[in-house]
Structure formats: C-alpha cells, structure tokens
Amino acid sequence: MTDPTDGAPTDGAPTDGAPVHGDATDGAPANGAPTDGAPTDGAPANGAPANGDAASRDVATERAAWDDWRARRRAALTAPQGNLALVETRWAPPGERLDLDAARAALGEGQTLTTLERTEPVSGRPEYGLRRWDPRSPALRHFDSVDTFPYRPEWVLEAQYEPVEGARTVPFEHIRDNGGTRDLVVPGDLRLTLDGADYTLSAFDDDGTLLLVFGDPTNGTSTYGAGRFLFVHLDEGDAGPQRVVLDFNRSFVPPCGFSDQYNCPMPPRQNRLHVPVEAGEKVPVFRDGYGAH
C-alpha cells in the first residue's frame, strides 16, 4: 500500500481491514489504552447515529477485533519505519534526483533511507525524494499512546459505493502545500445518510484500497485538527455498485499527527460531516511535554 502523504509506503497502516498508521492497545487500559471511559454498548451518545443493526450484531466479537486492530496500529506506529520514526523528507528539484550515496554516508547509527516519487502539481514533472527513518527519533522516545474513543457499535455504518466510468480525479489540498491542491484518483462515490443528511463522499485510490479522508466537528477539539483517515474495503469480485461498511471506530490519526515530515491530504468540502464522530482515534499522546510538531 502506498502512502497518500507523498508516495512512500503507508508505514503503519493495517491493510487487511485492520488499522493503518496508528496506535494500538491490547484492550487493557494501560500504556496507551483509551482513558475516556468504558466502551458503550449501543446507546447513541452525543449525536452519534442510531444503527438499528447494532443490537443484532455480535458486539463482543467486533470489539475483540477492534482491540486487535489497535494493537497492530501501535506495533506499526512504533516500528523502525513507522510514522513516529520519520525524521526527514527531502525533495530534489523537479526532474532531478538526489545523491543517494551521499545521503547514505551521512546516516546516523540505525537510521535507514527510502526513496519516493510524486508529481509536481503545476508542471506535472516528476519529483524524486527520500525519507530518513530513525528508530530512536525523539517522537518514538517520547511516545505514550494514541488517545481513542471507546468502541461504539452505533458508529459501524452502511454506505453505498457507486463506481464511475473512466479516470476521475478530485483535487485534495495537502497540509504542507500552502493551499495548493493535488489531483487524486477517486474511482467512485460513497453515498452515506447520517443523522438525516445525505452525503456523497470522495475516497481516493490508495494502491488498490479506498482511503476516506474526512472531517467532523470534533477536529481541533477532541480529535486531530486536520481530519482523520478511514479505509474502505470493497469486494474485489464486484465491479458494480455495492454495499460497504464504514466502521468509524477504525478511523485513525493521519501520519502528519506523528511527524511533520509528512504531507497529508486534507478533507475536501464534500467529506466534512456535520455530526461529531465520537469514535476512533483522537490524538497522539507524548510524554514530558513533547509534541510531534
């Protein structure tokens, strides 16, 4: 899976329906587990949508799978090339390449390099860069957990995916582009009804998996200010319209929340929900007053 933040691997996102780019605790409220109370078992709270199917589902099994997702999130985040380990992203001028031998010679103990490529949005020329990873980065040394809402079965919602013919791109503003946009391939529409309002959401193709970048009123208060990510898994054998499940309990803090060396896409207008999504990850937590930025 590629990294939507500039073209490198998605260091830390679970790809099998599990989390990606994130924190995990193994269900026990210790060392990174959620600290905001016990999970709720279905009663909508604070504007959460009522899901008529929640009571009939096996919530205990869903919560156990979510705990496993969170555990793998944490393992991925804290890996030697996880989001917390990224300490440098460097780009050559458009059309040029960086001297990798010189960059490797300057690496510190235990550090590694990876290469990446993107398209310059104005000229359309290729840009080549590199990333430097440090398994003893300040972010890793100070990382505690990712604060997370308790599991809420009412935030497992159904949507309809409708593919579109031909290549369609949608402009996404990126956090480090000073208001500029980059076109990303959006192969279809996600239609969701939430709290009586109909939405047509744009999820872009992240190396074969749909990635939804969404915003909601919790951003900047209880959750990460620039929005959150959620993977949408389609039935690969079905090329037409199909029902999909959006489990907002698995929405996660984008890579930019862990390192300022990422250039994350931000939610376009159509992906901004008017209901507070009090499910999924909130914000990273660091010790000793450290901040990722």
Protein backbone atom coordinates (compact mmCIF):
# COMPACT_ATOMS: atom_id res chain seq x y z
CA MET A 1 0.00 0.00 0.00
CA THR A 2 1.32 3.39 -0.89
CA ASP A 3 1.46 6.40 1.36
CA PRO A 4 -1.10 9.07 0.46
CA THR A 5 1.14 11.63 2.10
CA ASP A 6 3.75 11.70 -0.67
CA GLY A 7 4.10 8.39 -2.40
CA ALA A 8 6.01 6.23 0.06
CA PRO A 9 4.72 3.13 1.85
CA THR A 10 1.97 3.66 4.40
CA ASP A 11 4.25 2.92 7.27
CA GLY A 12 1.94 1.73 9.91
CA ALA A 13 -1.48 1.23 8.49
CA PRO A 14 -3.07 -2.18 8.75
CA THR A 15 -4.09 -3.31 5.29
CA ASP A 16 -6.40 -6.26 5.97
CA GLY A 17 -9.30 -4.43 7.42
CA ALA A 18 -7.13 -3.63 10.38
CA PRO A 19 -5.77 -0.24 11.28
CA VAL A 20 -3.28 1.69 9.41
CA HIS A 21 -0.84 4.33 10.60
CA GLY A 22 -1.77 4.08 14.18
CA ASP A 23 -1.90 3.28 17.82
CA ALA A 24 -2.88 0.11 19.41
CA THR A 25 -3.58 -1.07 22.84
CA ASP A 26 -4.48 -4.65 23.51
CA GLY A 27 -7.75 -3.88 25.15
CA ALA A 28 -6.29 -3.32 28.58
CA PRO A 29 -6.38 0.28 29.84
CA ALA A 30 -2.62 0.60 30.17
CA ASN A 31 0.21 2.25 28.24
CA GLY A 32 -1.83 3.84 25.50
CA ALA A 33 -5.27 2.39 26.03
CA PRO A 34 -8.18 4.79 25.86
CA THR A 35 -8.65 6.81 29.01
CA ASP A 36 -12.10 8.22 28.37
CA GLY A 37 -14.23 5.58 30.00
CA ALA A 38 -15.63 2.15 29.34
CA PRO A 39 -16.98 1.22 25.93
CA THR A 40 -20.64 1.91 25.32
CA ASP A 41 -22.76 -0.95 24.07
CA GLY A 42 -25.02 0.62 21.55
CA ALA A 43 -26.86 3.57 23.02
CA PRO A 44 -26.25 6.56 20.79
CA ALA A 45 -24.43 9.32 22.65
CA ASN A 46 -23.73 12.97 21.91
CA GLY A 47 -25.32 12.97 18.49
CA ALA A 48 -23.98 9.58 17.39
CA PRO A 49 -26.15 7.89 14.76
CA ALA A 50 -28.54 5.20 15.82
CA ASN A 51 -27.74 1.96 13.98
CA GLY A 52 -30.67 -0.40 14.00
CA ASP A 53 -28.42 -3.39 13.35
CA ALA A 54 -26.11 -2.79 16.32
CA ALA A 55 -28.21 -4.81 18.77
CA SER A 56 -28.36 -7.83 16.45
CA ARG A 57 -24.61 -7.93 15.76
CA ASP A 58 -22.06 -9.79 17.84
CA VAL A 59 -20.67 -6.70 19.53
CA ALA A 60 -18.27 -8.68 21.74
CA THR A 61 -16.62 -10.19 18.66
CA GLU A 62 -16.48 -6.80 16.93
CA ARG A 63 -14.87 -5.22 19.99
CA ALA A 64 -12.27 -8.01 20.19
CA ALA A 65 -11.41 -7.45 16.51
CA TRP A 66 -11.13 -3.71 17.22
CA ASP A 67 -8.77 -4.37 20.14
CA ASP A 68 -6.61 -6.44 17.80
CA TRP A 69 -6.71 -3.61 15.23
CA ARG A 70 -5.48 -1.16 17.84
CA ALA A 71 -2.69 -3.47 18.93
CA ARG A 72 -1.44 -3.76 15.37
CA ARG A 73 -1.76 0.00 14.96
CA ARG A 74 0.58 0.58 17.86
CA ALA A 75 3.05 -2.00 16.60
CA ALA A 76 3.07 -0.36 13.17
CA LEU A 77 3.42 3.18 14.54
CA THR A 78 6.41 2.26 16.67
CA ALA A 79 8.18 0.13 14.03
CA PRO A 80 11.63 1.21 12.76
CA GLN A 81 9.92 2.72 9.69
CA GLY A 82 6.63 3.61 11.35
CA ASN A 83 5.14 7.08 11.38
CA LEU A 84 6.96 8.06 14.57
CA ALA A 85 10.38 7.20 13.11
CA LEU A 86 10.27 9.60 10.16
CA VAL A 87 12.71 12.46 10.82
CA GLU A 88 13.33 13.87 7.33
CA THR A 89 11.63 14.12 3.93
CA ARG A 90 13.80 15.75 1.28
CA TRP A 91 12.89 16.56 -2.32
CA ALA A 92 15.15 17.24 -5.30
CA PRO A 93 14.22 19.98 -7.78
CA PRO A 94 11.62 18.75 -10.33
CA GLY A 95 13.17 16.30 -12.79
CA GLU A 96 16.37 15.87 -10.76
CA ARG A 97 17.45 13.16 -8.35
CA LEU A 98 19.20 13.32 -5.01
CA ASP A 99 22.64 11.81 -4.39
CA LEU A 100 21.66 8.65 -2.51
CA ASP A 101 25.24 7.57 -1.86
CA ALA A 102 25.97 10.85 -0.12
CA ALA A 103 22.74 10.61 1.84
CA ARG A 104 23.54 7.07 2.98
CA ALA A 105 27.04 8.10 4.03
CA ALA A 106 25.53 10.74 6.32
CA LEU A 107 23.14 8.35 8.11
CA GLY A 108 23.35 8.03 11.87
CA GLU A 109 23.50 4.72 13.71
CA GLY A 110 20.47 2.56 12.97
CA GLN A 111 18.97 5.05 10.51
CA THR A 112 17.65 3.98 7.11
CA LEU A 113 16.63 5.65 3.84
CA THR A 114 13.72 5.05 1.48
CA THR A 115 13.00 6.74 -1.83
CA LEU A 116 9.73 8.21 -3.06
CA GLU A 117 8.25 9.90 -6.11
CA ARG A 118 5.39 12.29 -6.77
CA THR A 119 4.17 14.66 -9.48
CA GLU A 120 4.73 18.41 -9.16
CA PRO A 121 1.16 19.78 -9.32
CA VAL A 122 1.85 22.81 -11.54
CA SER A 123 4.31 21.49 -14.13
CA GLY A 124 3.31 17.82 -13.97
CA ARG A 125 7.01 16.88 -13.86
CA PRO A 126 8.14 14.02 -11.62
CA GLU A 127 9.74 14.86 -8.29
CA TYR A 128 12.13 12.46 -6.56
CA GLY A 129 12.83 12.44 -2.86
CA LEU A 130 13.96 10.41 0.08
CA ARG A 131 12.95 9.79 3.62
CA ARG A 132 15.20 9.22 6.61
CA TRP A 133 14.00 6.99 9.42
CA ASP A 134 15.43 6.87 12.93
CA PRO A 135 14.36 4.09 15.36
CA ARG A 136 15.46 6.40 18.18
CA SER A 137 13.69 9.52 16.97
CA PRO A 138 12.52 12.00 19.61
CA ALA A 139 8.90 11.17 18.74
CA LEU A 140 9.46 7.46 19.38
CA ARG A 141 11.31 8.07 22.62
CA HIS A 142 8.52 10.29 23.97
CA PHE A 143 5.52 8.46 22.54
CA ASP A 144 2.96 7.21 25.05
CA SER A 145 -0.22 6.26 23.20
CA VAL A 146 -2.96 7.41 20.89
CA ASP A 147 -5.95 8.67 22.83
CA THR A 148 -9.01 6.84 21.50
CA PHE A 149 -12.77 6.88 21.95
CA PRO A 150 -14.25 3.69 23.47
CA TYR A 151 -15.66 1.20 20.98
CA ARG A 152 -19.14 2.25 19.85
CA PRO A 153 -21.12 -0.22 17.72
CA GLU A 154 -23.53 2.53 16.59
CA TRP A 155 -20.67 4.03 14.56
CA VAL A 156 -20.48 0.98 12.27
CA LEU A 157 -22.49 2.34 9.34
CA GLU A 158 -23.60 1.11 5.94
CA ALA A 159 -22.93 3.10 2.77
CA GLN A 160 -23.37 2.51 -0.95
CA TYR A 161 -20.36 2.52 -3.26
CA GLU A 162 -21.06 3.51 -6.87
CA PRO A 163 -18.12 3.26 -9.31
CA VAL A 164 -17.74 5.79 -12.12
CA GLU A 165 -16.51 5.05 -15.62
CA GLY A 166 -13.20 6.42 -16.79
CA ALA A 167 -10.44 8.12 -14.87
CA ARG A 168 -11.79 10.75 -12.49
CA THR A 169 -9.59 12.87 -10.27
CA VAL A 170 -10.56 15.14 -7.39
CA PRO A 171 -8.34 17.97 -6.06
CA PHE A 172 -7.20 17.46 -2.47
CA GLU A 173 -5.48 20.21 -0.54
CA HIS A 174 -2.36 18.97 1.28
CA ILE A 175 -1.22 20.19 4.64
CA ARG A 176 2.25 21.35 3.52
CA ASP A 177 1.32 22.80 0.13
CA ASN A 178 0.27 26.28 1.34
CA GLY A 179 -3.25 25.98 -0.03
CA GLY A 180 -2.30 24.17 -3.24
CA THR A 181 -4.09 21.03 -4.37
CA ARG A 182 -3.03 17.69 -5.84
CA ASP A 183 -5.36 15.60 -8.00
CA LEU A 184 -6.03 12.12 -6.64
CA VAL A 185 -7.92 9.33 -8.42
CA VAL A 186 -11.42 8.82 -6.98
CA PRO A 187 -12.87 5.74 -8.73
CA GLY A 188 -16.40 6.05 -7.35
CA ASP A 189 -18.78 7.73 -4.92
CA LEU A 190 -19.63 6.67 -1.38
CA ARG A 191 -23.23 7.56 -0.53
CA LEU A 192 -23.97 7.80 3.18
CA THR A 193 -27.02 9.01 5.11
CA LEU A 194 -26.10 10.30 8.55
CA ASP A 195 -28.45 11.98 11.02
CA GLY A 196 -30.93 12.67 8.22
CA ALA A 197 -28.38 14.25 5.87
CA ASP A 198 -27.21 12.65 2.61
CA TYR A 199 -23.50 12.75 1.76
CA THR A 200 -21.60 11.86 -1.40
CA LEU A 201 -18.08 11.17 -0.15
CA SER A 202 -14.86 11.02 -2.18
CA ALA A 203 -12.44 8.23 -1.21
CA PHE A 204 -9.29 8.06 -3.31
CA ASP A 205 -7.42 5.02 -4.57
CA ASP A 206 -4.52 4.26 -2.22
CA ASP A 207 -2.79 1.46 -4.12
CA GLY A 208 -5.97 -0.54 -4.63
CA THR A 209 -7.73 0.31 -1.37
CA LEU A 210 -10.09 3.25 -0.93
CA LEU A 211 -8.93 5.79 1.63
CA LEU A 212 -11.52 8.21 3.01
CA VAL A 213 -10.15 11.48 4.38
CA PHE A 214 -12.93 13.06 6.42
CA GLY A 215 -13.54 15.92 8.81
CA ASP A 216 -16.14 16.48 11.51
CA PRO A 217 -16.84 18.97 14.32
CA THR A 218 -14.53 17.18 16.76
CA ASN A 219 -11.44 18.18 14.74
CA GLY A 220 -9.26 20.58 16.67
CA THR A 221 -11.05 19.90 19.95
CA SER A 222 -11.08 16.21 20.88
CA THR A 223 -9.58 14.85 17.64
CA TYR A 224 -6.70 15.69 15.30
CA GLY A 225 -7.24 19.13 13.81
CA ALA A 226 -6.67 18.32 10.13
CA GLY A 227 -9.16 15.44 9.98
CA ARG A 228 -8.85 11.67 10.11
CA PHE A 229 -8.45 8.71 7.74
CA LEU A 230 -10.57 5.58 7.25
CA PHE A 231 -10.00 2.66 4.88
CA VAL A 232 -12.97 1.39 2.86
CA HIS A 233 -12.77 -2.24 1.76
CA LEU A 234 -14.59 -3.28 -1.39
CA ASP A 235 -15.49 -6.73 -2.68
CA GLU A 236 -12.85 -7.15 -5.39
CA GLY A 237 -15.09 -9.56 -7.29
CA ASP A 238 -17.86 -6.99 -7.65
CA ALA A 239 -17.19 -4.24 -10.20
CA GLY A 240 -20.60 -2.59 -9.81
CA PRO A 241 -22.45 -0.77 -7.05
CA GLN A 242 -22.17 -2.48 -3.69
CA ARG A 243 -22.93 -2.03 -0.03
CA VAL A 244 -19.91 -1.23 2.12
CA VAL A 245 -19.39 -0.82 5.85
CA LEU A 246 -17.80 2.31 7.28
CA ASP A 247 -16.50 1.41 10.74
CA PHE A 248 -15.63 4.80 12.19
CA ASN A 249 -14.21 3.04 15.24
CA ARG A 250 -11.25 2.37 12.95
CA SER A 251 -10.77 5.96 11.86
CA PHE A 252 -7.21 6.97 12.60
CA VAL A 253 -4.89 9.92 13.02
CA PRO A 254 -3.06 10.61 9.73
CA PRO A 255 0.73 10.34 9.56
CA CYS A 256 1.06 14.12 9.96
CA GLY A 257 -0.07 13.71 13.56
CA PHE A 258 3.12 11.78 14.33
CA SER A 259 5.74 13.55 12.20
CA ASP A 260 5.77 16.94 10.49
CA GLN A 261 7.73 15.34 7.63
CA TYR A 262 4.53 14.03 6.04
CA ASN A 263 2.36 15.95 3.58
CA CYS A 264 -1.13 14.61 4.27
CA PRO A 265 -4.24 15.27 2.19
CA MET A 266 -6.97 17.22 3.95
CA PRO A 267 -10.74 16.58 3.79
CA PRO A 268 -12.41 18.19 0.78
CA ARG A 269 -15.69 20.00 1.39
CA GLN A 270 -17.87 17.02 0.46
CA ASN A 271 -16.09 14.87 3.07
CA ARG A 272 -16.85 17.17 6.01
CA LEU A 273 -19.57 15.62 8.18
CA HIS A 274 -21.83 17.82 10.28
CA VAL A 275 -22.24 15.23 13.08
CA PRO A 276 -19.43 14.85 15.66
CA VAL A 277 -17.82 11.46 15.01
CA GLU A 278 -17.01 10.38 18.56
CA ALA A 279 -15.39 7.11 17.52
CA GLY A 280 -11.90 6.03 16.52
CA GLU A 281 -8.58 7.67 17.33
CA LYS A 282 -8.36 11.15 18.80
CA VAL A 283 -4.77 12.45 19.06
CA PRO A 284 -1.29 11.10 19.82
CA VAL A 285 -0.12 11.43 23.42
CA PHE A 286 3.54 12.16 24.19
CA ARG A 287 5.42 12.26 27.48
CA ASP A 288 7.46 15.07 29.03
CA GLY A 289 5.75 17.85 27.10
CA TYR A 290 6.98 16.64 23.72
CA GLY A 291 4.89 17.45 20.64
CA ALA A 292 5.19 15.89 17.19
CA HIS A 293 5.36 19.35 15.59
